[in-house]
Each structure stands twice: as structure tokens, then as C-alpha cells.
C-alpha atoms as a PDB file:
ATOM      1  CA  MET A   1      54.652  26.744 -32.192  1.00  0.00           C
ATOM      2  CA  ALA A   2      54.407  30.494 -31.583  1.00  0.00           C
ATOM      3  CA  GLY A   3      51.856  31.294 -28.895  1.00  0.00           C
ATOM      4  CA  ALA A   4      51.443  27.642 -27.855  1.00  0.00           C
ATOM      5  CA  GLY A   5      52.093  28.538 -24.202  1.00  0.00           C
ATOM      6  CA  LEU A   6      49.578  31.380 -24.061  1.00  0.00           C
ATOM      7  CA  ARG A   7      46.855  29.430 -22.275  1.00  0.00           C
ATOM      8  CA  PRO A   8      44.432  30.531 -19.466  1.00  0.00           C
ATOM      9  CA  PRO A   9      47.357  31.093 -17.026  1.00  0.00           C
ATOM     10  CA  ALA A  10      48.569  33.820 -19.398  1.00  0.00           C
ATOM     11  CA  ARG A  11      45.146  35.477 -19.222  1.00  0.00           C
ATOM     12  CA  ARG A  12      45.319  35.355 -15.424  1.00  0.00           C
ATOM     13  CA  ARG A  13      48.710  37.066 -15.551  1.00  0.00           C
ATOM     14  CA  CYS A  14      47.148  39.815 -17.695  1.00  0.00           C
ATOM     15  CA  ARG A  15      44.391  40.375 -15.102  1.00  0.00           C
ATOM     16  CA  ALA A  16      46.992  41.057 -12.422  1.00  0.00           C
ATOM     17  CA  LEU A  17      48.302  44.091 -14.343  1.00  0.00           C
ATOM     18  CA  PRO A  18      47.094  47.723 -14.244  1.00  0.00           C
ATOM     19  CA  LEU A  19      44.362  48.603 -16.780  1.00  0.00           C
ATOM     20  CA  GLY A  20      46.667  49.996 -19.503  1.00  0.00           C
ATOM     21  CA  ALA A  21      49.128  47.140 -19.204  1.00  0.00           C
ATOM     22  CA  PHE A  22      46.216  44.658 -19.056  1.00  0.00           C
ATOM     23  CA  SER A  23      44.917  45.884 -22.444  1.00  0.00           C
ATOM     24  CA  ALA A  24      48.350  45.577 -24.040  1.00  0.00           C
ATOM     25  CA  CYS A  25      48.889  42.137 -22.509  1.00  0.00           C
ATOM     26  CA  LEU A  26      45.482  40.872 -23.670  1.00  0.00           C
ATOM     27  CA  ALA A  27      45.969  42.298 -27.175  1.00  0.00           C
ATOM     28  CA  GLY A  28      49.286  40.501 -27.373  1.00  0.00           C
ATOM     29  CA  TRP A  29      47.690  37.246 -26.269  1.00  0.00           C
ATOM     30  CA  LEU A  30      44.877  37.567 -28.805  1.00  0.00           C
ATOM     31  CA  GLY A  31      47.329  38.511 -31.541  1.00  0.00           C
ATOM     32  CA  ALA A  32      49.529  35.507 -30.834  1.00  0.00           C
ATOM     33  CA  THR A  33      46.465  33.257 -30.811  1.00  0.00           C
ATOM     34  CA  ALA A  34      45.304  34.696 -34.167  1.00  0.00           C
ATOM     35  CA  ILE A  35      48.714  34.030 -35.688  1.00  0.00           C
ATOM     36  CA  VAL A  36      48.581  30.405 -34.594  1.00  0.00           C
ATOM     37  CA  ARG A  37      45.139  29.982 -36.188  1.00  0.00           C
ATOM     38  CA  ALA A  38      46.123  31.698 -39.441  1.00  0.00           C
ATOM     39  CA  GLU A  39      49.293  29.722 -40.131  1.00  0.00           C
ATOM     40  CA  PRO A  40      47.623  26.499 -41.370  1.00  0.00           C
ATOM     41  CA  SER A  41      45.456  28.465 -43.827  1.00  0.00           C
ATOM     42  CA  ASN A  42      48.218  30.513 -45.415  1.00  0.00           C
ATOM     43  CA  GLY A  43      51.219  28.217 -45.480  1.00  0.00           C
ATOM     44  CA  PRO A  44      52.728  26.505 -48.547  1.00  0.00           C
ATOM     45  CA  ARG A  45      51.110  23.377 -49.956  1.00  0.00           C
ATOM     46  CA  PRO A  46      54.124  21.325 -51.094  1.00  0.00           C
ATOM     47  CA  SER A  47      53.750  18.858 -53.958  1.00  0.00           C
ATOM     48  CA  ALA A  48      55.171  15.328 -54.048  1.00  0.00           C
ATOM     49  CA  GLY A  49      58.178  16.596 -56.001  1.00  0.00           C
ATOM     50  CA  CYS A  50      59.508  18.393 -52.927  1.00  0.00           C
ATOM     51  CA  SER A  51      61.029  15.077 -51.815  1.00  0.00           C
ATOM     52  CA  ARG A  52      63.281  14.903 -54.889  1.00  0.00           C
ATOM     53  CA  ALA A  53      67.009  15.478 -54.481  1.00  0.00           C
ATOM     54  CA  ARG A  54      67.580  17.218 -57.838  1.00  0.00           C
ATOM     55  CA  PHE A  55      65.567  19.233 -60.338  1.00  0.00           C
ATOM     56  CA  GLU A  56      66.193  19.899 -64.014  1.00  0.00           C
ATOM     57  CA  THR A  57      66.598  23.575 -64.832  1.00  0.00           C
ATOM     58  CA  GLY A  58      66.321  25.315 -68.188  1.00  0.00           C
ATOM     59  CA  ARG A  59      64.715  28.358 -69.750  1.00  0.00           C
ATOM     60  CA  ARG A  60      63.076  26.378 -72.603  1.00  0.00           C
ATOM     61  CA  LEU A  61      62.389  22.753 -71.702  1.00  0.00           C
ATOM     62  CA  VAL A  62      60.105  21.189 -74.339  1.00  0.00           C
ATOM     63  CA  ARG A  63      57.754  18.578 -72.893  1.00  0.00           C
ATOM     64  CA  ARG A  64      55.229  16.191 -74.439  1.00  0.00           C
ATOM     65  CA  ILE A  65      52.411  14.310 -72.780  1.00  0.00           C
ATOM     66  CA  GLU A  66      49.518  12.130 -73.948  1.00  0.00           C
ATOM     67  CA  VAL A  67      46.139  13.065 -72.520  1.00  0.00           C
ATOM     68  CA  GLU A  68      42.967  11.179 -73.402  1.00  0.00           C
ATOM     69  CA  GLY A  69      44.668   9.733 -76.461  1.00  0.00           C
ATOM     70  CA  LEU A  70      45.897  13.107 -77.735  1.00  0.00           C
ATOM     71  CA  ALA A  71      49.559  14.112 -78.013  1.00  0.00           C
ATOM     72  CA  ARG A  72      50.027  17.476 -76.321  1.00  0.00           C
ATOM     73  CA  SER A  73      53.087  19.699 -75.875  1.00  0.00           C
ATOM     74  CA  TYR A  74      54.241  22.526 -73.630  1.00  0.00           C
ATOM     75  CA  ILE A  75      57.354  24.486 -72.676  1.00  0.00           C
ATOM     76  CA  LEU A  76      58.710  24.814 -69.153  1.00  0.00           C
ATOM     77  CA  ASP A  77      60.757  27.776 -68.011  1.00  0.00           C
ATOM     78  CA  VAL A  78      62.559  26.719 -64.836  1.00  0.00           C
ATOM     79  CA  PRO A  79      65.183  29.280 -63.821  1.00  0.00           C
ATOM     80  CA  ARG A  80      67.659  28.168 -61.166  1.00  0.00           C
ATOM     81  CA  PRO A  81      65.954  30.127 -58.348  1.00  0.00           C
ATOM     82  CA  ALA A  82      62.800  28.044 -59.000  1.00  0.00           C
ATOM     83  CA  ALA A  83      64.532  24.643 -58.758  1.00  0.00           C
ATOM     84  CA  LYS A  84      64.783  24.108 -55.025  1.00  0.00           C
ATOM     85  CA  ARG A  85      63.314  21.992 -52.259  1.00  0.00           C
ATOM     86  CA  GLU A  86      61.009  24.782 -51.157  1.00  0.00           C
ATOM     87  CA  PRO A  87      57.527  25.097 -52.703  1.00  0.00           C
ATOM     88  CA  VAL A  88      57.540  27.614 -55.576  1.00  0.00           C
ATOM     89  CA  PRO A  89      54.673  29.228 -57.522  1.00  0.00           C
ATOM     90  CA  VAL A  90      53.616  28.151 -61.030  1.00  0.00           C
ATOM     91  CA  LEU A  91      52.274  30.424 -63.766  1.00  0.00           C
ATOM     92  CA  LEU A  92      50.335  28.925 -66.696  1.00  0.00           C
ATOM     93  CA  ASP A  93      50.477  31.135 -69.824  1.00  0.00           C
ATOM     94  CA  PHE A  94      47.992  30.506 -72.671  1.00  0.00           C
ATOM     95  CA  HIS A  95      48.504  31.800 -76.211  1.00  0.00           C
ATOM     96  CA  GLY A  96      45.895  33.399 -78.442  1.00  0.00           C
ATOM     97  CA  LEU A  97      44.153  31.835 -81.442  1.00  0.00           C
ATOM     98  CA  GLY A  98      46.637  30.796 -84.131  1.00  0.00           C
ATOM     99  CA  HIS A  99      49.659  31.392 -81.916  1.00  0.00           C
ATOM    100  CA  SER A 100      51.895  28.923 -80.089  1.00  0.00           C
ATOM    101  CA  ALA A 101      53.678  28.246 -76.823  1.00  0.00           C
ATOM    102  CA  ALA A 102      57.027  28.920 -78.499  1.00  0.00           C
ATOM    103  CA  GLY A 103      55.821  32.249 -79.840  1.00  0.00           C
ATOM    104  CA  VAL A 104      54.606  33.442 -76.454  1.00  0.00           C
ATOM    105  CA  TRP A 105      57.810  32.224 -74.799  1.00  0.00           C
ATOM    106  CA  ARG A 106      59.907  34.354 -77.181  1.00  0.00           C
ATOM    107  CA  VAL A 107      58.185  37.621 -76.260  1.00  0.00           C
ATOM    108  CA  SER A 108      57.081  36.910 -72.687  1.00  0.00           C
ATOM    109  CA  GLU A 109      57.739  39.493 -69.993  1.00  0.00           C
ATOM    110  CA  PHE A 110      57.492  36.661 -67.476  1.00  0.00           C
ATOM    111  CA  ARG A 111      60.900  35.240 -68.411  1.00  0.00           C
ATOM    112  CA  ALA A 112      62.740  38.034 -66.616  1.00  0.00           C
ATOM    113  CA  LEU A 113      60.216  38.013 -63.782  1.00  0.00           C
ATOM    114  CA  ALA A 114      60.537  34.234 -63.296  1.00  0.00           C
ATOM    115  CA  ALA A 115      64.298  34.491 -62.900  1.00  0.00           C
ATOM    116  CA  ARG A 116      63.959  37.366 -60.450  1.00  0.00           C
ATOM    117  CA  GLU A 117      61.014  36.030 -58.423  1.00  0.00           C
ATOM    118  CA  GLY A 118      61.798  32.317 -58.585  1.00  0.00           C
ATOM    119  CA  PHE A 119      58.685  30.789 -60.151  1.00  0.00           C
ATOM    120  CA  ILE A 120      58.060  28.182 -62.859  1.00  0.00           C
ATOM    121  CA  THR A 121      56.248  29.244 -66.046  1.00  0.00           C
ATOM    122  CA  VAL A 122      54.385  26.794 -68.278  1.00  0.00           C
ATOM    123  CA  TYR A 123      53.670  27.796 -71.887  1.00  0.00           C
ATOM    124  CA  LEU A 124      51.074  25.383 -73.281  1.00  0.00           C
ATOM    125  CA  ASP A 125      50.195  24.553 -76.902  1.00  0.00           C
ATOM    126  CA  GLY A 126      46.557  24.432 -77.948  1.00  0.00           C
ATOM    127  CA  LEU A 127      44.916  22.153 -80.501  1.00  0.00           C
ATOM    128  CA  PRO A 128      43.297  23.183 -83.819  1.00  0.00           C
ATOM    129  CA  VAL A 129      39.952  24.880 -83.139  1.00  0.00           C
ATOM    130  CA  ARG A 130      37.441  26.697 -85.285  1.00  0.00           C
ATOM    131  CA  TYR A 131      35.378  29.727 -84.337  1.00  0.00           C
ATOM    132  CA  PRO A 132      33.173  31.915 -86.570  1.00  0.00           C
ATOM    133  CA  GLY A 133      35.458  33.522 -89.149  1.00  0.00           C
ATOM    134  CA  ARG A 134      38.701  32.191 -87.653  1.00  0.00           C
ATOM    135  CA  GLU A 135      40.535  28.964 -87.005  1.00  0.00           C
ATOM    136  CA  GLY A 136      43.941  27.863 -85.776  1.00  0.00           C
ATOM    137  CA  ARG A 137      45.599  26.472 -82.681  1.00  0.00           C
ATOM    138  CA  GLY A 138      43.784  27.524 -79.575  1.00  0.00           C
ATOM    139  CA  TRP A 139      41.527  26.527 -76.697  1.00  0.00           C
ATOM    140  CA  GLU A 140      38.063  25.101 -76.265  1.00  0.00           C
ATOM    141  CA  ILE A 141      35.955  27.720 -74.476  1.00  0.00           C
ATOM    142  CA  ARG A 142      32.461  26.519 -75.423  1.00  0.00           C
ATOM    143  CA  LYS A 143      32.309  24.082 -72.539  1.00  0.00           C
ATOM    144  CA  TRP A 144      34.063  23.707 -69.208  1.00  0.00           C
ATOM    145  CA  GLN A 145      32.993  20.163 -68.374  1.00  0.00           C
ATOM    146  CA  ASN A 146      34.503  17.240 -70.324  1.00  0.00           C
ATOM    147  CA  ASN A 147      36.866  19.749 -71.898  1.00  0.00           C
ATOM    148  CA  PRO A 148      40.039  18.190 -73.407  1.00  0.00           C
ATOM    149  CA  ASP A 149      42.076  21.320 -72.726  1.00  0.00           C
ATOM    150  CA  VAL A 150      41.072  21.308 -69.060  1.00  0.00           C
ATOM    151  CA  SER A 151      42.182  17.668 -68.879  1.00  0.00           C
ATOM    152  CA  PHE A 152      45.483  18.702 -70.505  1.00  0.00           C
ATOM    153  CA  VAL A 153      46.092  21.391 -67.889  1.00  0.00           C
ATOM    154  CA  ALA A 154      45.236  19.043 -65.020  1.00  0.00           C
ATOM    155  CA  ALA A 155      47.630  16.394 -66.380  1.00  0.00           C
ATOM    156  CA  VAL A 156      50.440  18.925 -66.768  1.00  0.00           C
ATOM    157  CA  LEU A 157      49.934  20.162 -63.204  1.00  0.00           C
ATOM    158  CA  ASP A 158      49.982  16.583 -61.906  1.00  0.00           C
ATOM    159  CA  ARG A 159      53.252  15.832 -63.720  1.00  0.00           C
ATOM    160  CA  LEU A 160      54.802  19.136 -62.736  1.00  0.00           C
ATOM    161  CA  GLY A 161      53.972  18.541 -59.091  1.00  0.00           C
ATOM    162  CA  GLY A 162      55.881  15.268 -59.214  1.00  0.00           C
ATOM    163  CA  GLU A 163      58.902  16.659 -61.073  1.00  0.00           C
ATOM    164  CA  TYR A 164      59.358  19.878 -59.070  1.00  0.00           C
ATOM    165  CA  CYS A 165      58.684  21.293 -55.626  1.00  0.00           C
ATOM    166  CA  VAL A 166      55.487  23.185 -56.395  1.00  0.00           C
ATOM    167  CA  ASP A 167      53.343  25.202 -54.018  1.00  0.00           C
ATOM    168  CA  GLN A 168      49.901  23.867 -54.929  1.00  0.00           C
ATOM    169  CA  GLY A 169      48.342  26.881 -53.268  1.00  0.00           C
ATOM    170  CA  ARG A 170      50.067  29.270 -55.689  1.00  0.00           C
ATOM    171  CA  ILE A 171      49.149  28.085 -59.195  1.00  0.00           C
ATOM    172  CA  TYR A 172      48.084  30.958 -61.448  1.00  0.00           C
ATOM    173  CA  ALA A 173      46.755  31.338 -64.998  1.00  0.00           C
ATOM    174  CA  THR A 174      47.166  34.127 -67.542  1.00  0.00           C
ATOM    175  CA  GLY A 175      46.566  34.366 -71.260  1.00  0.00           C
ATOM    176  CA  PHE A 176      45.909  36.691 -74.170  1.00  0.00           C
ATOM    177  CA  SER A 177      42.753  36.839 -76.309  1.00  0.00           C
ATOM    178  CA  LEU A 178      41.451  33.263 -76.645  1.00  0.00           C
ATOM    179  CA  GLY A 179      43.990  32.310 -73.967  1.00  0.00           C
ATOM    180  CA  GLY A 180      42.389  34.924 -71.713  1.00  0.00           C
ATOM    181  CA  TYR A 181      38.955  33.433 -72.344  1.00  0.00           C
ATOM    182  CA  PHE A 182      40.396  30.068 -71.360  1.00  0.00           C
ATOM    183  CA  CYS A 183      41.494  31.524 -68.007  1.00  0.00           C
ATOM    184  CA  TYR A 184      37.799  32.017 -67.233  1.00  0.00           C
ATOM    185  CA  VAL A 185      37.103  28.399 -68.228  1.00  0.00           C
ATOM    186  CA  LEU A 186      39.823  27.220 -65.834  1.00  0.00           C
ATOM    187  CA  ALA A 187      38.352  29.343 -63.052  1.00  0.00           C
ATOM    188  CA  CYS A 188      35.154  27.316 -63.367  1.00  0.00           C
ATOM    189  CA  ALA A 189      36.643  23.883 -64.109  1.00  0.00           C
ATOM    190  CA  LEU A 190      39.785  23.993 -61.950  1.00  0.00           C
ATOM    191  CA  GLY A 191      38.928  26.686 -59.441  1.00  0.00           C
ATOM    192  CA  HIS A 192      39.958  24.267 -56.687  1.00  0.00           C
ATOM    193  CA  ARG A 193      43.529  24.305 -58.093  1.00  0.00           C
ATOM    194  CA  ILE A 194      43.935  27.784 -59.614  1.00  0.00           C
ATOM    195  CA  ALA A 195      44.603  30.508 -57.044  1.00  0.00           C
ATOM    196  CA  ALA A 196      44.008  33.542 -59.309  1.00  0.00           C
ATOM    197  CA  ILE A 197      43.662  34.458 -62.993  1.00  0.00           C
ATOM    198  CA  ALA A 198      44.893  37.262 -65.257  1.00  0.00           C
ATOM    199  CA  PRO A 199      43.012  37.378 -68.593  1.00  0.00           C
ATOM    200  CA  VAL A 200      44.155  39.944 -71.176  1.00  0.00           C
ATOM    201  CA  GLY A 201      42.065  41.010 -74.197  1.00  0.00           C
ATOM    202  CA  ALA A 202      39.274  38.551 -73.408  1.00  0.00           C
ATOM    203  CA  GLY A 203      35.510  38.845 -73.056  1.00  0.00           C
ATOM    204  CA  GLU A 204      32.378  36.983 -72.073  1.00  0.00           C
ATOM    205  CA  LEU A 205      32.325  33.195 -72.330  1.00  0.00           C
ATOM    206  CA  PRO A 206      29.767  31.648 -74.712  1.00  0.00           C
ATOM    207  CA  VAL A 207      28.727  29.235 -71.958  1.00  0.00           C
ATOM    208  CA  ALA A 208      27.598  29.956 -68.419  1.00  0.00           C
ATOM    209  CA  CYS A 209      29.807  28.742 -65.607  1.00  0.00           C
ATOM    210  CA  THR A 210      30.437  29.654 -61.991  1.00  0.00           C
ATOM    211  CA  PRO A 211      33.741  29.161 -60.142  1.00  0.00           C
ATOM    212  CA  PRO A 212      33.509  26.909 -57.064  1.00  0.00           C
ATOM    213  CA  ARG A 213      34.754  29.735 -54.825  1.00  0.00           C
ATOM    214  CA  PRO A 214      35.465  33.487 -54.949  1.00  0.00           C
ATOM    215  CA  LEU A 215      38.478  33.670 -57.250  1.00  0.00           C
ATOM    216  CA  PRO A 216      40.808  36.708 -57.572  1.00  0.00           C
ATOM    217  CA  ALA A 217      41.180  38.194 -61.048  1.00  0.00           C
ATOM    218  CA  ILE A 218      43.136  40.979 -62.720  1.00  0.00           C
ATOM    219  CA  ILE A 219      41.721  41.922 -66.129  1.00  0.00           C
ATOM    220  CA  HIS A 220      43.442  44.001 -68.840  1.00  0.00           C
ATOM    221  CA  HIS A 221      41.687  45.383 -71.924  1.00  0.00           C
ATOM    222  CA  GLY A 222      42.034  48.084 -74.565  1.00  0.00           C
ATOM    223  CA  ARG A 223      39.252  50.574 -75.221  1.00  0.00           C
ATOM    224  CA  ALA A 224      40.070  50.552 -78.965  1.00  0.00           C
ATOM    225  CA  ASP A 225      40.081  46.738 -79.258  1.00  0.00           C
ATOM    226  CA  PRO A 226      38.393  45.898 -82.608  1.00  0.00           C
ATOM    227  CA  VAL A 227      38.451  42.130 -82.004  1.00  0.00           C
ATOM    228  CA  VAL A 228      36.938  41.864 -78.524  1.00  0.00           C
ATOM    229  CA  GLY A 229      34.855  44.921 -77.673  1.00  0.00           C
ATOM    230  CA  VAL A 230      35.657  46.623 -74.389  1.00  0.00           C
ATOM    231  CA  ALA A 231      32.030  46.257 -73.312  1.00  0.00           C
ATOM    232  CA  GLN A 232      32.622  42.511 -73.010  1.00  0.00           C
ATOM    233  CA  ALA A 233      35.581  43.002 -70.687  1.00  0.00           C
ATOM    234  CA  ARG A 234      33.598  45.435 -68.560  1.00  0.00           C
ATOM    235  CA  LYS A 235      30.769  42.920 -68.322  1.00  0.00           C
ATOM    236  CA  MET A 236      33.175  40.284 -67.041  1.00  0.00           C
ATOM    237  CA  ARG A 237      34.610  42.783 -64.555  1.00  0.00           C
ATOM    238  CA  ASP A 238      31.132  43.518 -63.204  1.00  0.00           C
ATOM    239  CA  ALA A 239      30.223  39.839 -62.988  1.00  0.00           C
ATOM    240  CA  TRP A 240      33.441  39.031 -61.117  1.00  0.00           C
ATOM    241  CA  VAL A 241      32.997  41.939 -58.689  1.00  0.00           C
ATOM    242  CA  GLU A 242      29.431  40.864 -57.927  1.00  0.00           C
ATOM    243  CA  ARG A 243      30.349  37.183 -57.609  1.00  0.00           C
ATOM    244  CA  ASN A 244      33.224  37.948 -55.228  1.00  0.00           C
ATOM    245  CA  GLY A 245      31.124  40.344 -53.163  1.00  0.00           C
ATOM    246  CA  CYS A 246      33.631  43.212 -53.323  1.00  0.00           C
ATOM    247  CA  ARG A 247      32.715  46.223 -51.161  1.00  0.00           C
ATOM    248  CA  GLN A 248      35.475  48.772 -51.811  1.00  0.00           C
ATOM    249  CA  HIS A 249      36.328  50.502 -55.096  1.00  0.00           C
ATOM    250  CA  LEU A 250      39.652  52.323 -55.466  1.00  0.00           C
ATOM    251  CA  SER A 251      41.615  53.584 -58.468  1.00  0.00           C
ATOM    252  CA  ASP A 252      45.333  54.005 -59.044  1.00  0.00           C
ATOM    253  CA  GLY A 253      45.457  53.737 -62.828  1.00  0.00           C
ATOM    254  CA  CYS A 254      43.543  50.466 -62.541  1.00  0.00           C
ATOM    255  CA  GLU A 255      40.189  49.963 -60.843  1.00  0.00           C
ATOM    256  CA  ARG A 256      40.764  48.018 -57.642  1.00  0.00           C
ATOM    257  CA  HIS A 257      37.752  46.235 -56.195  1.00  0.00           C
ATOM    258  CA  GLU A 258      38.731  45.047 -52.740  1.00  0.00           C
ATOM    259  CA  GLN A 259      37.292  43.909 -49.395  1.00  0.00           C
ATOM    260  CA  CYS A 260      35.920  40.906 -51.298  1.00  0.00           C
ATOM    261  CA  ARG A 261      34.852  37.520 -49.950  1.00  0.00           C
ATOM    262  CA  SER A 262      37.822  35.312 -49.089  1.00  0.00           C
ATOM    263  CA  GLY A 263      40.167  38.158 -50.093  1.00  0.00           C
ATOM    264  CA  ALA A 264      39.329  37.573 -53.774  1.00  0.00           C
ATOM    265  CA  ASP A 265      40.131  41.051 -55.121  1.00  0.00           C
ATOM    266  CA  VAL A 266      39.275  42.119 -58.676  1.00  0.00           C
ATOM    267  CA  TRP A 267      41.486  44.586 -60.547  1.00  0.00           C
ATOM    268  CA  TYR A 268      40.450  46.020 -63.899  1.00  0.00           C
ATOM    269  CA  CYS A 269      43.038  47.826 -66.043  1.00  0.00           C
ATOM    270  CA  GLU A 270      41.860  49.597 -69.192  1.00  0.00           C
ATOM    271  CA  ASP A 271      43.865  51.752 -71.618  1.00  0.00           C
ATOM    272  CA  ASP A 272      43.573  53.234 -75.126  1.00  0.00           C
ATOM    273  CA  SER A 273      45.235  50.282 -76.869  1.00  0.00           C
ATOM    274  CA  GLN A 274      43.822  47.910 -79.454  1.00  0.00           C
ATOM    275  CA  HIS A 275      43.994  44.090 -79.396  1.00  0.00           C
ATOM    276  CA  ARG A 276      47.434  43.530 -77.900  1.00  0.00           C
ATOM    277  CA  TRP A 277      49.261  42.674 -74.711  1.00  0.00           C
ATOM    278  CA  PRO A 278      49.793  45.980 -72.849  1.00  0.00           C
ATOM    279  CA  LYS A 279      53.465  46.858 -72.447  1.00  0.00           C
ATOM    280  CA  GLY A 280      54.607  46.306 -68.887  1.00  0.00           C
ATOM    281  CA  ALA A 281      51.444  44.405 -67.899  1.00  0.00           C
ATOM    282  CA  GLY A 282      53.495  41.389 -66.829  1.00  0.00           C
ATOM    283  CA  GLU A 283      54.928  43.184 -63.794  1.00  0.00           C
ATOM    284  CA  ARG A 284      51.503  44.327 -62.632  1.00  0.00           C
ATOM    285  CA  ILE A 285      49.981  40.897 -63.238  1.00  0.00           C
ATOM    286  CA  TRP A 286      52.653  39.118 -61.238  1.00  0.00           C
ATOM    287  CA  ARG A 287      52.389  41.618 -58.369  1.00  0.00           C
ATOM    288  CA  PHE A 288      48.658  40.894 -58.188  1.00  0.00           C
ATOM    289  CA  LEU A 289      48.905  37.121 -58.570  1.00  0.00           C
ATOM    290  CA  ARG A 290      51.634  36.551 -56.006  1.00  0.00           C
ATOM    291  CA  ALA A 291      49.485  38.256 -53.347  1.00  0.00           C
ATOM    292  CA  HIS A 292      46.886  35.471 -53.560  1.00  0.00           C
ATOM    293  CA  ARG A 293      46.922  31.816 -52.641  1.00  0.00           C
ATOM    294  CA  LEU A 294      44.493  28.973 -52.058  1.00  0.00           C
ATOM    295  CA  LEU A 295      43.712  28.458 -48.392  1.00  0.00           C
ATOM    296  CA  SER A 296      44.698  25.105 -46.950  1.00  0.00           C
ATOM    297  CA  GLU A 297      41.111  24.121 -46.134  1.00  0.00           C
ATOM    298  CA  GLU A 298      40.209  24.360 -49.829  1.00  0.00           C
ATOM    299  CA  PRO A 299      40.650  21.040 -51.675  1.00  0.00           C
ATOM    300  CA  ALA A 300      43.441  20.501 -54.182  1.00  0.00           C
ATOM    301  CA  GLY A 301      44.000  17.666 -56.580  1.00  0.00           C
ATOM    302  CA  GLY A 302      42.645  16.300 -59.828  1.00  0.00           C
ATOM    303  CA  LEU A 303      39.507  17.015 -61.746  1.00  0.00           C
ATOM    304  CA  PRO A 304      36.262  17.186 -59.736  1.00  0.00           C
END
């Protein structure tokens, strides 16, 4: 292991040097020691599937699973660079109300990104839900405990971890509209498994919940959104910044709230659009997500 031999004798060797060389020697020793301590926290967290000899690849693999007596379905996008015996990231993508996994898959910017970056994307199908004035396939966001959609996600992650070599420290969630709301639900219910979230066109949850840890988030919203008012998105931004204890505010087209607890940055990207997925947002979302991972001392596994 790097730095394993830098024990007290190494410090004694530093003391024998002139002052300038002593400082450089000691800094090197401390740096090597810091690297050794950081490695266990930031390394991959391989799933059981990493022991498999072969993996099925495909850009549209339709899967079905029964969860709590309900038949559920989802689509896997596993490009060849993601099917290997090295832990790879997973991105969960949730459709809006009345939409479908197949519909999101057809237009997703993440298809090209997955092939280039080597990650697995999961497009999940919701169940029929009803909200004031609207109904269709979607996600339950009125509760985060005993939530059938949370159980569905947990079951899919369990199966995926056995079928593929997944880095359990790099599981991310994104979604549009109701799917974006559901990202917030997952942050509360599965915050011990989700490394970061990227809600788009979503607002405040109708139920209070608090993630189990500071959780990174990148939020996109349109100022002219007639479905979910921009004030809701701004309220969620402020709540996330406060919860994560961010101390630095920068801007480069998006607001970047950084120097947060546990490195849980919050980015907020607002434009003049209405209720739609911003063009090119996928690239920015992936750049943000891939920079975050669960630390190894944080628990991973099934539902709490």
C-alpha cells in the first residue's frame, strides 16, 4: 500500500535534513499518509455481480419484476463499455406523469453519454396514480415510508447488483416533472444507496422528509414553467443548500453552492424555458453526478 513504510523512522530521517528540505520531507510524509487514509472512503463498492464471467449487453433490454405482489417493468441500457468486471455507475431515470420508460428512452440524452462514459441506465415504469386535475402512470410522492415505488427501486437495484458489476457507491437518480419529485422521495427513503440526485422541472414535496445524510443535488427549472412554478424549485434549492450546510456561492450560468458538508454540493440551473427538459442538460447533469459518490463508511443495502 502506498505510504505503508512511512513510519516514525521516516520522520526521524526528515529531522536530519536542513529546514527547507525538512519541510518538504514532512509534507511528503503527511501527504502520503493522507492518501492512505482517503483510499478506503473513496474507492469503488463492487456488487455481487462483479464475480460473474459474462454480462448481457443491449441498448434496450426490457425487464419485468414482481414487487410486493405487483408486476413492474423497466428498461436497461447496457452499452458494451458498461459490461465489464470493474464496478460501473448506474443512473436511474424517472419519467413524468402520463409518460413511460420507453418514451424517455427514445429521447434520452443519456444514451449517447452512457456509451461514451460506460455507465448503466435504468428507465423505470410507474404505476397509475391520480393527483388533483391529472392522472396517469407516475410515482407516489405523498409518502416516502411504505412506498411501493421505493420498494420497486430497491428491488431493481438488488437485482441489477447481482446481474452486473455495479459500483454501489455511484448510484444516481434523475427525472423530469413528477419523476423529479420522486428523486426527492428517494433522497429521503434511499439516501443510504443514492449518491446524488438531478431533479428537473420539480418542486416541493407534499410531505416532509429529511435525507439521512447531506446529499448532492443538481436542480434544473424554467422561469416560465406554467405547471410547476419556479418559486417551488427555488424553495427546494434553498432547503437543500441549508440542509447541506453550503458556505460558498459561485455562478457560471448555474448557481453553484459548494464547500458543503460531506462534499454535498448543490447546483441550481434556471433558464427562460417552460415545462420541459432543457436541451443539453444531460451533459451537465452527468458531469455533476459522476463527481460524487457514497463514502465507504456509509451503509449500503436494502431498505432501512
